[in-house]
Protein backbone atom coordinates (compact mmCIF):
# COMPACT_ATOMS: atom_id res chain seq x y z
CA MET A 1 4.59 -1.49 -26.72
CA LYS A 2 0.87 -2.00 -26.38
CA MET A 3 -0.14 -2.79 -22.98
CA LYS A 4 -3.36 -4.48 -22.24
CA ASP A 5 -5.88 -4.39 -18.61
CA VAL A 6 -4.86 -8.01 -16.86
CA ILE A 7 -4.97 -9.33 -12.81
CA ILE A 8 -1.24 -9.81 -11.69
CA SER A 9 -0.54 -12.22 -9.20
CA VAL A 10 2.16 -11.81 -6.89
CA THR A 11 3.45 -14.29 -4.46
CA GLY A 12 6.46 -13.46 -2.50
CA ILE A 13 8.03 -16.23 -0.19
CA GLN A 14 11.64 -14.84 2.30
CA HIS A 15 13.11 -17.62 4.03
CA GLY A 16 14.67 -16.01 7.16
CA LYS A 17 15.61 -17.17 11.07
CA ASN A 18 12.22 -17.85 11.93
CA GLY A 19 11.22 -19.65 8.71
CA PRO A 20 9.38 -19.37 5.54
CA ASP A 21 7.60 -15.94 5.24
CA ALA A 22 4.87 -15.33 2.59
CA LEU A 23 2.64 -12.32 1.00
CA GLN A 24 0.56 -12.60 -1.95
CA LEU A 25 -0.92 -9.55 -3.45
CA VAL A 26 -3.49 -9.64 -6.29
CA THR A 27 -4.57 -6.53 -8.18
CA ALA A 28 -5.10 -5.25 -11.37
CA GLY A 29 -1.99 -4.25 -13.56
CA GLN A 30 -0.58 -3.25 -17.93
CA TYR A 31 0.65 -5.97 -19.71
CA GLY A 32 2.61 -5.94 -23.05
CA VAL A 33 4.72 -8.31 -25.26
CA GLU A 34 6.50 -6.35 -28.40
CA HIS A 35 9.46 -8.80 -29.95
CA ASP A 36 11.25 -10.56 -27.23
CA GLN A 37 10.44 -8.13 -24.79
CA ILE A 38 7.59 -8.55 -22.48
CA CYS A 39 6.04 -5.86 -19.50
CA MET A 40 3.58 -5.71 -16.59
CA THR A 41 3.41 -2.38 -14.23
CA TRP A 42 1.17 -2.00 -11.43
CA ASP A 43 0.48 0.29 -9.16
CA GLU A 44 1.64 -0.64 -5.09
CA SER A 45 -1.44 -0.30 -2.43
CA GLU A 46 -0.91 0.64 1.60
CA LEU A 47 -1.40 -3.32 1.83
CA THR A 48 1.93 -3.82 0.42
CA GLY A 49 3.52 -0.78 2.21
CA ARG A 50 4.26 0.93 -0.76
CA ALA A 51 1.11 2.99 -1.46
CA GLY A 52 1.88 5.47 -4.37
CA ALA A 53 4.89 3.75 -6.02
CA ARG A 54 4.71 1.78 -9.15
CA THR A 55 6.49 -1.16 -9.70
CA SER A 56 7.35 -2.23 -13.14
CA ILE A 57 8.92 -5.77 -14.58
CA THR A 58 10.10 -6.22 -17.81
CA VAL A 59 11.01 -9.44 -19.59
CA GLN A 60 13.99 -10.06 -22.18
CA PRO A 61 15.47 -13.74 -23.02
CA ASN A 62 18.20 -13.82 -20.46
CA SER A 63 17.47 -11.65 -17.79
CA VAL A 64 14.63 -10.12 -15.49
CA VAL A 65 14.50 -6.28 -14.88
CA LEU A 66 12.21 -5.07 -11.78
CA SER A 67 12.08 -1.50 -11.11
CA ARG A 68 10.24 0.32 -8.91
CA GLU A 69 9.66 4.17 -8.15
CA GLY A 70 7.88 5.85 -5.16
CA GLU A 71 9.16 5.97 -1.84
CA GLN A 72 11.09 3.25 -1.82
CA ASN A 73 13.54 3.28 -5.15
CA THR A 74 14.98 0.02 -6.42
CA SER A 75 15.90 -1.29 -10.00
CA MET A 76 17.06 -5.46 -9.33
CA GLU A 77 18.74 -7.64 -12.52
CA PHE A 78 17.59 -11.10 -11.57
CA GLU A 79 19.93 -13.55 -14.64
CA GLN A 80 20.02 -17.32 -13.64
CA GLY A 81 23.55 -17.91 -12.14
CA LYS A 82 24.92 -14.41 -12.12
CA LYS A 83 25.09 -12.37 -8.90
CA HIS A 84 24.29 -8.70 -9.46
CA TYR A 85 24.42 -5.93 -7.70
CA PHE A 86 21.56 -3.38 -7.14
CA LEU A 87 21.07 -0.29 -4.56
CA TYR A 88 18.23 -0.04 -1.99
CA GLU A 89 16.84 3.21 -1.55
CA THR A 90 14.75 4.37 1.77
CA PRO A 91 13.67 7.01 3.54
CA PHE A 92 16.43 6.26 6.12
CA GLY A 93 18.69 5.72 3.41
CA SER A 94 20.42 3.75 1.00
CA ALA A 95 22.45 0.52 0.50
CA THR A 96 24.09 -1.91 -1.98
CA MET A 97 23.28 -5.16 -1.73
CA GLY A 98 24.11 -8.39 -4.39
CA LEU A 99 21.39 -10.14 -6.01
CA ASN A 100 22.50 -14.01 -7.15
CA THR A 101 19.77 -15.32 -9.18
CA ARG A 102 19.62 -19.16 -8.91
CA ARG A 103 16.77 -19.85 -10.89
CA ILE A 104 14.15 -17.62 -13.43
CA ARG A 105 10.84 -20.33 -14.33
CA SER A 106 9.01 -18.85 -17.26
CA SER A 107 6.12 -19.92 -19.43
CA LEU A 108 4.85 -15.57 -20.09
CA GLY A 109 3.62 -14.69 -23.19
CA LEU A 110 1.44 -13.35 -25.56
CA HIS A 111 -1.63 -14.03 -23.24
CA GLY A 112 0.16 -13.52 -19.63
CA GLY A 113 0.92 -17.37 -17.77
CA ASP A 114 3.46 -17.54 -14.66
CA MET A 115 6.87 -16.64 -14.32
CA GLU A 116 9.30 -18.49 -10.78
CA ILE A 117 12.46 -16.76 -9.40
CA GLU A 118 14.39 -17.62 -6.62
CA TYR A 119 17.17 -16.12 -5.61
CA THR A 120 19.85 -14.84 -2.93
CA VAL A 121 19.97 -10.99 -1.22
CA ASP A 122 23.19 -10.29 0.63
CA VAL A 123 24.92 -7.15 2.06
CA ASP A 124 28.90 -7.55 2.38
CA GLN A 125 29.16 -11.13 0.51
CA THR A 126 26.52 -11.68 4.20
CA ILE A 127 23.14 -13.72 2.94
CA VAL A 128 20.56 -11.55 4.48
CA GLY A 129 16.84 -13.26 2.47
CA ARG A 130 16.68 -15.99 0.22
CA ASN A 131 13.54 -15.39 -1.55
CA ARG A 132 10.98 -17.10 -4.17
CA PHE A 133 8.47 -14.90 -6.01
CA TYR A 134 6.03 -16.02 -8.71
CA ILE A 135 3.97 -14.19 -10.51
CA GLN A 136 1.00 -14.88 -12.84
CA VAL A 137 -0.45 -12.77 -15.20
CA GLN A 138 -4.12 -13.36 -16.64
CA GLU A 139 -6.11 -11.47 -18.75
CA PRO A 140 -10.20 -10.86 -18.34
CA LYS A 141 -12.34 -12.77 -19.63
CA GLU A 142 -15.76 -12.10 -21.50
CA SER A 143 -19.02 -13.27 -20.03
CA HIS A 144 -21.32 -14.64 -22.51
CA THR A 145 -23.17 -11.19 -22.25
CA GLY A 146 -19.99 -9.72 -23.86
CA ASP A 147 -19.33 -8.23 -19.70
CA ILE A 148 -15.87 -8.33 -18.97
CA ARG A 149 -15.31 -10.96 -15.76
CA TRP A 150 -12.16 -11.31 -14.31
CA PRO A 151 -10.38 -14.21 -13.26
CA ILE A 152 -10.70 -14.58 -9.39
């Protein structure tokens, strides 16, 4: 798959006991489309607490897979209306968690777009998080002088 440089904006919102908690990341990444599959990837930074990790998202017609490789490895599959399990690895140990995807909305296409996923995470059938994340992918734009301008 041919990948191109893009700006990826990720906003994650976690609803906990103390109300919603949001985190936003805007970073350079790679984006590619081939047949009915979309891939995006970016390197995490110290700001996210995952320095040295690489996050990849693969979007297919009926599912989205988020994979992270680094000190904390994980692979999460989102499929609307279905529950999947994933192994969450940390330096302190591993845990099997349930992932129930409530909604996936995507307008991603050849030149980028938006995606939103709403889901819950549980451990032993007890919900430990109600989460939502938004992803926006934008290509850089060329200025009148031919220089590349990033859409920030």
